[in-house]
Amino acid sequence: MYQNYTVRAKQGSEFSEYLKKSGIEVLTQFRKPYYKHEALKLEDRGFPETEALSREVCSLPMNAEISDEEIEYVISAVRSFYRK
């Protein structure tokens, strides 16, 4: 269960993949902006901030059952990504 602890990383997909390879479940639910879904039939007027957010946001694990050790592991993995 997630409580949407959402972060923004300029290297969106690379960041998410790094965490996944480290065994951390990451949600990337907005890779396609809503206005681009054909079923909504919305005009694409160009939304640069929406485009950037769709590439850069992901949700990290956050729930009542996560242990302190798991939290430290996630923190360590995030720091490790930015050190490389």
Protein backbone atom coordinates (compact mmCIF):
# COMPACT_ATOMS: atom_id res chain seq x y z
CA MET A 1 0.00 0.00 0.00
CA TYR A 2 1.36 3.39 -0.99
CA GLN A 3 0.68 6.81 0.44
CA ASN A 4 2.22 8.52 -2.58
CA TYR A 5 5.59 9.62 -1.26
CA THR A 6 6.31 11.24 -4.59
CA VAL A 7 9.69 12.61 -5.59
CA ARG A 8 10.92 14.33 -8.71
CA ALA A 9 14.17 13.29 -10.37
CA LYS A 10 15.48 14.95 -13.52
CA GLN A 11 16.76 11.50 -14.59
CA GLY A 12 13.25 10.04 -14.12
CA SER A 13 13.41 6.67 -15.83
CA GLU A 14 17.08 6.10 -15.02
CA PHE A 15 16.39 6.90 -11.33
CA SER A 16 13.35 4.59 -11.21
CA GLU A 17 15.20 1.75 -12.94
CA TYR A 18 18.16 2.09 -10.59
CA LEU A 19 15.89 1.76 -7.57
CA LYS A 20 14.05 -1.19 -9.10
CA LYS A 21 17.36 -2.96 -9.79
CA SER A 22 18.19 -2.34 -6.13
CA GLY A 23 15.05 -4.26 -5.17
CA ILE A 24 12.94 -1.20 -4.34
CA GLU A 25 9.40 -1.06 -5.66
CA VAL A 26 8.81 2.26 -7.39
CA LEU A 27 5.55 3.47 -8.90
CA THR A 28 5.76 5.46 -12.13
CA GLN A 29 2.14 6.03 -12.91
CA PHE A 30 2.23 9.25 -14.92
CA ARG A 31 4.72 8.54 -17.72
CA LYS A 32 2.04 9.57 -20.21
CA PRO A 33 0.33 12.88 -19.40
CA TYR A 34 -3.43 12.59 -19.03
CA TYR A 35 -4.16 15.03 -21.84
CA LYS A 36 -2.38 12.68 -24.28
CA HIS A 37 -4.74 9.77 -23.69
CA GLU A 38 -6.79 9.48 -26.86
CA ALA A 39 -9.97 8.51 -25.02
CA LEU A 40 -10.12 11.94 -23.38
CA LYS A 41 -10.03 13.68 -26.78
CA LEU A 42 -8.16 16.68 -25.40
CA GLU A 43 -6.26 19.11 -27.56
CA ASP A 44 -2.48 18.97 -27.15
CA ARG A 45 -1.60 22.63 -26.71
CA GLY A 46 1.83 21.87 -25.38
CA PHE A 47 2.29 21.74 -21.64
CA PRO A 48 6.04 21.72 -20.95
CA GLU A 49 5.77 21.48 -17.15
CA THR A 50 3.28 18.60 -17.43
CA GLU A 51 5.63 16.88 -19.88
CA ALA A 52 8.57 17.30 -17.50
CA LEU A 53 6.59 16.02 -14.52
CA SER A 54 5.42 12.97 -16.44
CA ARG A 55 9.06 12.05 -17.14
CA GLU A 56 10.43 12.89 -13.70
CA VAL A 57 8.03 11.86 -10.92
CA CYS A 58 7.86 8.53 -9.13
CA SER A 59 6.52 7.30 -5.81
CA LEU A 60 8.80 5.67 -3.26
CA PRO A 61 7.62 2.99 -0.83
CA MET A 62 5.77 4.44 2.14
CA ASN A 63 3.36 2.57 4.35
CA ALA A 64 2.67 1.65 7.95
CA GLU A 65 4.42 -1.73 7.68
CA ILE A 66 7.78 -0.53 6.34
CA SER A 67 10.58 -1.13 8.83
CA ASP A 68 13.28 1.32 9.85
CA GLU A 69 15.82 -0.91 8.10
CA GLU A 70 13.84 -0.77 4.86
CA ILE A 71 13.58 3.01 5.13
CA GLU A 72 17.35 3.25 5.61
CA TYR A 73 17.85 0.98 2.60
CA VAL A 74 15.72 3.23 0.37
CA ILE A 75 17.58 6.32 1.61
CA SER A 76 20.90 4.62 0.96
CA ALA A 77 19.88 3.63 -2.58
CA VAL A 78 18.70 7.16 -3.41
CA ARG A 79 21.96 8.64 -2.11
CA SER A 80 23.95 6.04 -4.03
CA PHE A 81 22.20 6.98 -7.28
CA TYR A 82 23.14 10.62 -6.86
CA ARG A 83 26.76 9.82 -5.99
CA LYS A 84 27.44 8.04 -9.24
